[in-house]
């Protein structure tokens, strides 16, 4: 997922995690702001 800052990567990630049919979901938040 390629995008500049503030375009909506995190929102799309959330949509994919919520809507995915996968029984197990592993999310790695690397180097992001603590608030996020």
ModelCIF file with pLDDT and N, C-alpha, C, O atoms, coordinates in Angstrom:
data_MODEL
#
_entry.id   MODEL 
#
_entity.id                         1 
_entity.type                       polymer 
_entity.pdbx_number_of_molecules   1 
#
_entity_poly.entity_id                      1 
_entity_poly.type                           'polypeptide(L)' 
_entity_poly.nstd_linkage                   no 
_entity_poly.nstd_monomer                   no 
_entity_poly.pdbx_seq_one_letter_code       
;(UNK)(UNK)(UNK)(UNK)(UNK)(UNK)(UNK)(UNK)(UNK)(UNK)(UNK)(UNK)(UNK)(UNK)(UNK)(UNK)
(UNK)(UNK)(UNK)(UNK)(UNK)(UNK)(UNK)(UNK)(UNK)(UNK)(UNK)(UNK)(UNK)(UNK)(UNK)(UNK)
(UNK)(UNK)(UNK)(UNK)
;
_entity_poly.pdbx_seq_one_letter_code_can   XXXXXXXXXXXXXXXXXXXXXXXXXXXXXXXXXXXX 
_entity_poly.pdbx_strand_id                 A 
#
loop_
_entity_poly_seq.entity_id 
_entity_poly_seq.num 
_entity_poly_seq.mon_id 
_entity_poly_seq.hetero 
1 1  UNK n 
1 2  UNK n 
1 3  UNK n 
1 4  UNK n 
1 5  UNK n 
1 6  UNK n 
1 7  UNK n 
1 8  UNK n 
1 9  UNK n 
1 10 UNK n 
1 11 UNK n 
1 12 UNK n 
1 13 UNK n 
1 14 UNK n 
1 15 UNK n 
1 16 UNK n 
1 17 UNK n 
1 18 UNK n 
1 19 UNK n 
1 20 UNK n 
1 21 UNK n 
1 22 UNK n 
1 23 UNK n 
1 24 UNK n 
1 25 UNK n 
1 26 UNK n 
1 27 UNK n 
1 28 UNK n 
1 29 UNK n 
1 30 UNK n 
1 31 UNK n 
1 32 UNK n 
1 33 UNK n 
1 34 UNK n 
1 35 UNK n 
1 36 UNK n 
#
_struct_asym.id          A 
_struct_asym.entity_id   1 
#
loop_
_ma_qa_metric.id 
_ma_qa_metric.mode 
_ma_qa_metric.name 
_ma_qa_metric.software_group_id 
_ma_qa_metric.type 
1 global pLDDT . pLDDT 
2 local  pLDDT . pLDDT 
#
_ma_qa_metric_global.metric_id      1 
_ma_qa_metric_global.metric_value   91.75 
_ma_qa_metric_global.model_id       1 
_ma_qa_metric_global.ordinal_id     1 
#
loop_
_ma_qa_metric_local.label_asym_id 
_ma_qa_metric_local.label_comp_id 
_ma_qa_metric_local.label_seq_id 
_ma_qa_metric_local.metric_id 
_ma_qa_metric_local.metric_value 
_ma_qa_metric_local.model_id 
_ma_qa_metric_local.ordinal_id 
A UNK 1  2 96.00 1 1  
A UNK 2  2 95.00 1 2  
A UNK 3  2 92.00 1 3  
A UNK 4  2 87.00 1 4  
A UNK 5  2 83.00 1 5  
A UNK 6  2 82.00 1 6  
A UNK 7  2 88.00 1 7  
A UNK 8  2 86.00 1 8  
A UNK 9  2 89.00 1 9  
A UNK 10 2 87.00 1 10 
A UNK 11 2 90.00 1 11 
A UNK 12 2 94.00 1 12 
A UNK 13 2 94.00 1 13 
A UNK 14 2 92.00 1 14 
A UNK 15 2 94.00 1 15 
A UNK 16 2 96.00 1 16 
A UNK 17 2 94.00 1 17 
A UNK 18 2 93.00 1 18 
A UNK 19 2 94.00 1 19 
A UNK 20 2 94.00 1 20 
A UNK 21 2 87.00 1 21 
A UNK 22 2 94.00 1 22 
A UNK 23 2 96.00 1 23 
A UNK 24 2 97.00 1 24 
A UNK 25 2 97.00 1 25 
A UNK 26 2 98.00 1 26 
A UNK 27 2 97.00 1 27 
A UNK 28 2 97.00 1 28 
A UNK 29 2 96.00 1 29 
A UNK 30 2 96.00 1 30 
A UNK 31 2 92.00 1 31 
A UNK 32 2 86.00 1 32 
A UNK 33 2 87.00 1 33 
A UNK 34 2 86.00 1 34 
A UNK 35 2 89.00 1 35 
A UNK 36 2 88.00 1 36 
#
loop_
_atom_site.group_PDB 
_atom_site.id 
_atom_site.type_symbol 
_atom_site.label_atom_id 
_atom_site.label_alt_id 
_atom_site.label_comp_id 
_atom_site.label_asym_id 
_atom_site.label_entity_id 
_atom_site.label_seq_id 
_atom_site.pdbx_PDB_ins_code 
_atom_site.Cartn_x 
_atom_site.Cartn_y 
_atom_site.Cartn_z 
_atom_site.occupancy 
_atom_site.B_iso_or_equiv 
_atom_site.pdbx_formal_charge 
_atom_site.auth_seq_id 
_atom_site.auth_comp_id 
_atom_site.auth_asym_id 
_atom_site.auth_atom_id 
_atom_site.pdbx_PDB_model_num 
ATOM 1   N N  . UNK A 1 1  ? 0.873   -1.172  0.000  1.00 96.00 ? 1  UNK A N  1 
ATOM 2   C CA . UNK A 1 1  ? 0.000   0.000   0.000  1.00 96.00 ? 1  UNK A CA 1 
ATOM 3   C C  . UNK A 1 1  ? 0.914   1.226   0.000  1.00 96.00 ? 1  UNK A C  1 
ATOM 4   O O  . UNK A 1 1  ? 1.563   1.516   1.005  1.00 96.00 ? 1  UNK A O  1 
ATOM 5   N N  . UNK A 1 2  ? 0.965   1.941   -1.117 1.00 95.00 ? 2  UNK A N  1 
ATOM 6   C CA . UNK A 1 2  ? 1.886   3.056   -1.306 1.00 95.00 ? 2  UNK A CA 1 
ATOM 7   C C  . UNK A 1 2  ? 1.122   4.373   -1.196 1.00 95.00 ? 2  UNK A C  1 
ATOM 8   O O  . UNK A 1 2  ? 0.116   4.585   -1.873 1.00 95.00 ? 2  UNK A O  1 
ATOM 9   N N  . UNK A 1 3  ? 1.621   5.248   -0.332 1.00 92.00 ? 3  UNK A N  1 
ATOM 10  C CA . UNK A 1 3  ? 0.934   6.529   -0.155 1.00 92.00 ? 3  UNK A CA 1 
ATOM 11  C C  . UNK A 1 3  ? 1.836   7.530   0.543  1.00 92.00 ? 3  UNK A C  1 
ATOM 12  O O  . UNK A 1 3  ? 2.772   7.159   1.252  1.00 92.00 ? 3  UNK A O  1 
ATOM 13  N N  . UNK A 1 4  ? 1.535   8.820   0.327  1.00 87.00 ? 4  UNK A N  1 
ATOM 14  C CA . UNK A 1 4  ? 2.211   9.875   1.061  1.00 87.00 ? 4  UNK A CA 1 
ATOM 15  C C  . UNK A 1 4  ? 1.632   9.977   2.468  1.00 87.00 ? 4  UNK A C  1 
ATOM 16  O O  . UNK A 1 4  ? 0.729   9.224   2.831  1.00 87.00 ? 4  UNK A O  1 
ATOM 17  N N  . UNK A 1 5  ? 2.151   10.903  3.251  1.00 83.00 ? 5  UNK A N  1 
ATOM 18  C CA . UNK A 1 5  ? 1.678   11.053  4.623  1.00 83.00 ? 5  UNK A CA 1 
ATOM 19  C C  . UNK A 1 5  ? 0.289   11.688  4.662  1.00 83.00 ? 5  UNK A C  1 
ATOM 20  O O  . UNK A 1 5  ? 0.010   12.636  3.928  1.00 83.00 ? 5  UNK A O  1 
ATOM 21  N N  . UNK A 1 6  ? -0.566  11.163  5.513  1.00 82.00 ? 6  UNK A N  1 
ATOM 22  C CA . UNK A 1 6  ? -1.887  11.735  5.717  1.00 82.00 ? 6  UNK A CA 1 
ATOM 23  C C  . UNK A 1 6  ? -2.907  11.474  4.632  1.00 82.00 ? 6  UNK A C  1 
ATOM 24  O O  . UNK A 1 6  ? -3.929  12.158  4.568  1.00 82.00 ? 6  UNK A O  1 
ATOM 25  N N  . UNK A 1 7  ? -2.649  10.490  3.769  1.00 88.00 ? 7  UNK A N  1 
ATOM 26  C CA . UNK A 1 7  ? -3.567  10.203  2.665  1.00 88.00 ? 7  UNK A CA 1 
ATOM 27  C C  . UNK A 1 7  ? -4.636  9.186   3.077  1.00 88.00 ? 7  UNK A C  1 
ATOM 28  O O  . UNK A 1 7  ? -5.729  9.166   2.510  1.00 88.00 ? 7  UNK A O  1 
ATOM 29  N N  . UNK A 1 8  ? -4.318  8.344   4.064  1.00 86.00 ? 8  UNK A N  1 
ATOM 30  C CA . UNK A 1 8  ? -5.331  7.387   4.527  1.00 86.00 ? 8  UNK A CA 1 
ATOM 31  C C  . UNK A 1 8  ? -4.875  5.945   4.608  1.00 86.00 ? 8  UNK A C  1 
ATOM 32  O O  . UNK A 1 8  ? -5.694  5.033   4.490  1.00 86.00 ? 8  UNK A O  1 
ATOM 33  N N  . UNK A 1 9  ? -3.574  5.715   4.810  1.00 89.00 ? 9  UNK A N  1 
ATOM 34  C CA . UNK A 1 9  ? -3.067  4.341   4.898  1.00 89.00 ? 9  UNK A CA 1 
ATOM 35  C C  . UNK A 1 9  ? -3.658  3.612   6.107  1.00 89.00 ? 9  UNK A C  1 
ATOM 36  O O  . UNK A 1 9  ? -4.120  2.477   5.997  1.00 89.00 ? 9  UNK A O  1 
ATOM 37  N N  . UNK A 1 10 ? -3.635  4.291   7.274  1.00 87.00 ? 10 UNK A N  1 
ATOM 38  C CA . UNK A 1 10 ? -4.112  3.653   8.506  1.00 87.00 ? 10 UNK A CA 1 
ATOM 39  C C  . UNK A 1 10 ? -5.598  3.320   8.425  1.00 87.00 ? 10 UNK A C  1 
ATOM 40  O O  . UNK A 1 10 ? -6.037  2.270   8.895  1.00 87.00 ? 10 UNK A O  1 
ATOM 41  N N  . UNK A 1 11 ? -6.370  4.230   7.821  1.00 90.00 ? 11 UNK A N  1 
ATOM 42  C CA . UNK A 1 11 ? -7.810  3.983   7.670  1.00 90.00 ? 11 UNK A CA 1 
ATOM 43  C C  . UNK A 1 11 ? -8.060  2.760   6.794  1.00 90.00 ? 11 UNK A C  1 
ATOM 44  O O  . UNK A 1 11 ? -8.885  1.910   7.128  1.00 90.00 ? 11 UNK A O  1 
ATOM 45  N N  . UNK A 1 12 ? -7.343  2.672   5.665  1.00 94.00 ? 12 UNK A N  1 
ATOM 46  C CA . UNK A 1 12 ? -7.484  1.520   4.777  1.00 94.00 ? 12 UNK A CA 1 
ATOM 47  C C  . UNK A 1 12 ? -7.032  0.239   5.473  1.00 94.00 ? 12 UNK A C  1 
ATOM 48  O O  . UNK A 1 12 ? -7.655  -0.809  5.304  1.00 94.00 ? 12 UNK A O  1 
ATOM 49  N N  . UNK A 1 13 ? -5.951  0.314   6.258  1.00 94.00 ? 13 UNK A N  1 
ATOM 50  C CA . UNK A 1 13 ? -5.507  -0.853  7.024  1.00 94.00 ? 13 UNK A CA 1 
ATOM 51  C C  . UNK A 1 13 ? -6.602  -1.357  7.946  1.00 94.00 ? 13 UNK A C  1 
ATOM 52  O O  . UNK A 1 13 ? -6.861  -2.558  8.020  1.00 94.00 ? 13 UNK A O  1 
ATOM 53  N N  . UNK A 1 14 ? -7.251  -0.420  8.658  1.00 92.00 ? 14 UNK A N  1 
ATOM 54  C CA . UNK A 1 14 ? -8.342  -0.792  9.556  1.00 92.00 ? 14 UNK A CA 1 
ATOM 55  C C  . UNK A 1 14 ? -9.496  -1.438  8.819  1.00 92.00 ? 14 UNK A C  1 
ATOM 56  O O  . UNK A 1 14 ? -10.085 -2.400  9.310  1.00 92.00 ? 14 UNK A O  1 
ATOM 57  N N  . UNK A 1 15 ? -9.832  -0.914  7.628  1.00 94.00 ? 15 UNK A N  1 
ATOM 58  C CA . UNK A 1 15 ? -10.913 -1.483  6.817  1.00 94.00 ? 15 UNK A CA 1 
ATOM 59  C C  . UNK A 1 15 ? -10.590 -2.914  6.406  1.00 94.00 ? 15 UNK A C  1 
ATOM 60  O O  . UNK A 1 15 ? -11.457 -3.788  6.438  1.00 94.00 ? 15 UNK A O  1 
ATOM 61  N N  . UNK A 1 16 ? -9.322  -3.152  6.014  1.00 96.00 ? 16 UNK A N  1 
ATOM 62  C CA . UNK A 1 16 ? -8.912  -4.494  5.581  1.00 96.00 ? 16 UNK A CA 1 
ATOM 63  C C  . UNK A 1 16 ? -8.925  -5.471  6.752  1.00 96.00 ? 16 UNK A C  1 
ATOM 64  O O  . UNK A 1 16 ? -9.386  -6.605  6.615  1.00 96.00 ? 16 UNK A O  1 
ATOM 65  N N  . UNK A 1 17 ? -8.418  -5.030  7.910  1.00 94.00 ? 17 UNK A N  1 
ATOM 66  C CA . UNK A 1 17 ? -8.391  -5.910  9.092  1.00 94.00 ? 17 UNK A CA 1 
ATOM 67  C C  . UNK A 1 17 ? -9.815  -6.267  9.523  1.00 94.00 ? 17 UNK A C  1 
ATOM 68  O O  . UNK A 1 17 ? -10.093 -7.423  9.845  1.00 94.00 ? 17 UNK A O  1 
ATOM 69  N N  . UNK A 1 18 ? -10.720 -5.278  9.530  1.00 93.00 ? 18 UNK A N  1 
ATOM 70  C CA . UNK A 1 18 ? -12.108 -5.532  9.951  1.00 93.00 ? 18 UNK A CA 1 
ATOM 71  C C  . UNK A 1 18 ? -12.859 -6.402  8.956  1.00 93.00 ? 18 UNK A C  1 
ATOM 72  O O  . UNK A 1 18 ? -13.608 -7.302  9.338  1.00 93.00 ? 18 UNK A O  1 
ATOM 73  N N  . UNK A 1 19 ? -12.648 -6.119  7.657  1.00 94.00 ? 19 UNK A N  1 
ATOM 74  C CA . UNK A 1 19 ? -13.428 -6.812  6.639  1.00 94.00 ? 19 UNK A CA 1 
ATOM 75  C C  . UNK A 1 19 ? -12.856 -8.128  6.171  1.00 94.00 ? 19 UNK A C  1 
ATOM 76  O O  . UNK A 1 19 ? -13.529 -8.876  5.463  1.00 94.00 ? 19 UNK A O  1 
ATOM 77  N N  . UNK A 1 20 ? -11.618 -8.430  6.554  1.00 94.00 ? 20 UNK A N  1 
ATOM 78  C CA . UNK A 1 20 ? -10.954 -9.636  6.077  1.00 94.00 ? 20 UNK A CA 1 
ATOM 79  C C  . UNK A 1 20 ? -11.629 -10.910 6.600  1.00 94.00 ? 20 UNK A C  1 
ATOM 80  O O  . UNK A 1 20 ? -12.156 -10.938 7.712  1.00 94.00 ? 20 UNK A O  1 
ATOM 81  N N  . UNK A 1 21 ? -11.599 -11.950 5.783  1.00 87.00 ? 21 UNK A N  1 
ATOM 82  C CA . UNK A 1 21 ? -12.177 -13.238 6.173  1.00 87.00 ? 21 UNK A CA 1 
ATOM 83  C C  . UNK A 1 21 ? -11.180 -14.106 6.947  1.00 87.00 ? 21 UNK A C  1 
ATOM 84  O O  . UNK A 1 21 ? -11.537 -15.190 7.408  1.00 87.00 ? 21 UNK A O  1 
ATOM 85  N N  . UNK A 1 22 ? -9.926  -13.639 7.094  1.00 94.00 ? 22 UNK A N  1 
ATOM 86  C CA . UNK A 1 22 ? -8.885  -14.431 7.749  1.00 94.00 ? 22 UNK A CA 1 
ATOM 87  C C  . UNK A 1 22 ? -9.233  -14.669 9.215  1.00 94.00 ? 22 UNK A C  1 
ATOM 88  O O  . UNK A 1 22 ? -9.635  -13.736 9.910  1.00 94.00 ? 22 UNK A O  1 
ATOM 89  N N  . UNK A 1 23 ? -9.084  -15.915 9.699  1.00 96.00 ? 23 UNK A N  1 
ATOM 90  C CA . UNK A 1 23 ? -9.399  -16.201 11.108 1.00 96.00 ? 23 UNK A CA 1 
ATOM 91  C C  . UNK A 1 23 ? -8.373  -15.642 12.092 1.00 96.00 ? 23 UNK A C  1 
ATOM 92  O O  . UNK A 1 23 ? -8.684  -15.454 13.268 1.00 96.00 ? 23 UNK A O  1 
ATOM 93  N N  . UNK A 1 24 ? -7.138  -15.373 11.617 1.00 97.00 ? 24 UNK A N  1 
ATOM 94  C CA . UNK A 1 24 ? -6.082  -14.812 12.468 1.00 97.00 ? 24 UNK A CA 1 
ATOM 95  C C  . UNK A 1 24 ? -5.515  -13.563 11.802 1.00 97.00 ? 24 UNK A C  1 
ATOM 96  O O  . UNK A 1 24 ? -5.244  -13.549 10.601 1.00 97.00 ? 24 UNK A O  1 
ATOM 97  N N  . UNK A 1 25 ? -5.339  -12.513 12.608 1.00 97.00 ? 25 UNK A N  1 
ATOM 98  C CA . UNK A 1 25 ? -4.804  -11.253 12.072 1.00 97.00 ? 25 UNK A CA 1 
ATOM 99  C C  . UNK A 1 25 ? -3.620  -10.799 12.924 1.00 97.00 ? 25 UNK A C  1 
ATOM 100 O O  . UNK A 1 25 ? -3.733  -10.685 14.145 1.00 97.00 ? 25 UNK A O  1 
ATOM 101 N N  . UNK A 1 26 ? -2.498  -10.545 12.281 1.00 98.00 ? 26 UNK A N  1 
ATOM 102 C CA . UNK A 1 26 ? -1.292  -10.075 12.964 1.00 98.00 ? 26 UNK A CA 1 
ATOM 103 C C  . UNK A 1 26 ? -0.946  -8.698  12.400 1.00 98.00 ? 26 UNK A C  1 
ATOM 104 O O  . UNK A 1 26 ? -0.741  -8.543  11.197 1.00 98.00 ? 26 UNK A O  1 
ATOM 105 N N  . UNK A 1 27 ? -0.883  -7.700  13.287 1.00 97.00 ? 27 UNK A N  1 
ATOM 106 C CA . UNK A 1 27 ? -0.614  -6.321  12.872 1.00 97.00 ? 27 UNK A CA 1 
ATOM 107 C C  . UNK A 1 27 ? 0.703   -5.869  13.495 1.00 97.00 ? 27 UNK A C  1 
ATOM 108 O O  . UNK A 1 27 ? 0.886   -5.967  14.709 1.00 97.00 ? 27 UNK A O  1 
ATOM 109 N N  . UNK A 1 28 ? 1.611   -5.379  12.674 1.00 97.00 ? 28 UNK A N  1 
ATOM 110 C CA . UNK A 1 28 ? 2.891   -4.846  13.150 1.00 97.00 ? 28 UNK A CA 1 
ATOM 111 C C  . UNK A 1 28 ? 2.902   -3.333  12.943 1.00 97.00 ? 28 UNK A C  1 
ATOM 112 O O  . UNK A 1 28 ? 2.839   -2.862  11.808 1.00 97.00 ? 28 UNK A O  1 
ATOM 113 N N  . UNK A 1 29 ? 2.982   -2.573  14.033 1.00 96.00 ? 29 UNK A N  1 
ATOM 114 C CA . UNK A 1 29 ? 3.069   -1.111  13.962 1.00 96.00 ? 29 UNK A CA 1 
ATOM 115 C C  . UNK A 1 29 ? 4.512   -0.728  14.280 1.00 96.00 ? 29 UNK A C  1 
ATOM 116 O O  . UNK A 1 29 ? 4.917   -0.695  15.442 1.00 96.00 ? 29 UNK A O  1 
ATOM 117 N N  . UNK A 1 30 ? 5.272   -0.444  13.243 1.00 96.00 ? 30 UNK A N  1 
ATOM 118 C CA . UNK A 1 30 ? 6.720   -0.256  13.353 1.00 96.00 ? 30 UNK A CA 1 
ATOM 119 C C  . UNK A 1 30 ? 7.104   1.196   13.099 1.00 96.00 ? 30 UNK A C  1 
ATOM 120 O O  . UNK A 1 30 ? 6.845   1.739   12.025 1.00 96.00 ? 30 UNK A O  1 
ATOM 121 N N  . UNK A 1 31 ? 7.723   1.814   14.093 1.00 92.00 ? 31 UNK A N  1 
ATOM 122 C CA . UNK A 1 31 ? 8.258   3.161   13.927 1.00 92.00 ? 31 UNK A CA 1 
ATOM 123 C C  . UNK A 1 31 ? 7.235   4.264   13.856 1.00 92.00 ? 31 UNK A C  1 
ATOM 124 O O  . UNK A 1 31 ? 7.565   5.388   13.477 1.00 92.00 ? 31 UNK A O  1 
ATOM 125 N N  . UNK A 1 32 ? 5.985   3.967   14.215 1.00 86.00 ? 32 UNK A N  1 
ATOM 126 C CA . UNK A 1 32 ? 4.950   4.986   14.162 1.00 86.00 ? 32 UNK A CA 1 
ATOM 127 C C  . UNK A 1 32 ? 4.908   5.775   15.471 1.00 86.00 ? 32 UNK A C  1 
ATOM 128 O O  . UNK A 1 32 ? 5.533   5.404   16.465 1.00 86.00 ? 32 UNK A O  1 
ATOM 129 N N  . UNK A 1 33 ? 4.153   6.870   15.440 1.00 87.00 ? 33 UNK A N  1 
ATOM 130 C CA . UNK A 1 33 ? 3.989   7.679   16.646 1.00 87.00 ? 33 UNK A CA 1 
ATOM 131 C C  . UNK A 1 33 ? 3.224   6.904   17.706 1.00 87.00 ? 33 UNK A C  1 
ATOM 132 O O  . UNK A 1 33 ? 2.308   6.145   17.393 1.00 87.00 ? 33 UNK A O  1 
ATOM 133 N N  . UNK A 1 34 ? 3.613   7.105   18.985 1.00 86.00 ? 34 UNK A N  1 
ATOM 134 C CA . UNK A 1 34 ? 2.967   6.389   20.083 1.00 86.00 ? 34 UNK A CA 1 
ATOM 135 C C  . UNK A 1 34 ? 1.476   6.641   20.140 1.00 86.00 ? 34 UNK A C  1 
ATOM 136 O O  . UNK A 1 34 ? 0.707   5.747   20.493 1.00 86.00 ? 34 UNK A O  1 
ATOM 137 N N  . UNK A 1 35 ? 1.057   7.858   19.794 1.00 89.00 ? 35 UNK A N  1 
ATOM 138 C CA . UNK A 1 35 ? -0.358  8.225   19.821 1.00 89.00 ? 35 UNK A CA 1 
ATOM 139 C C  . UNK A 1 35 ? -1.184  7.382   18.850 1.00 89.00 ? 35 UNK A C  1 
ATOM 140 O O  . UNK A 1 35 ? -2.370  7.145   19.079 1.00 89.00 ? 35 UNK A O  1 
ATOM 141 N N  . UNK A 1 36 ? -0.550  6.929   17.765 1.00 88.00 ? 36 UNK A N  1 
ATOM 142 C CA . UNK A 1 36 ? -1.273  6.217   16.729 1.00 88.00 ? 36 UNK A CA 1 
ATOM 143 C C  . UNK A 1 36 ? -1.690  4.802   17.144 1.00 88.00 ? 36 UNK A C  1 
ATOM 144 O O  . UNK A 1 36 ? -2.310  4.086   16.359 1.00 88.00 ? 36 UNK A O  1 
#
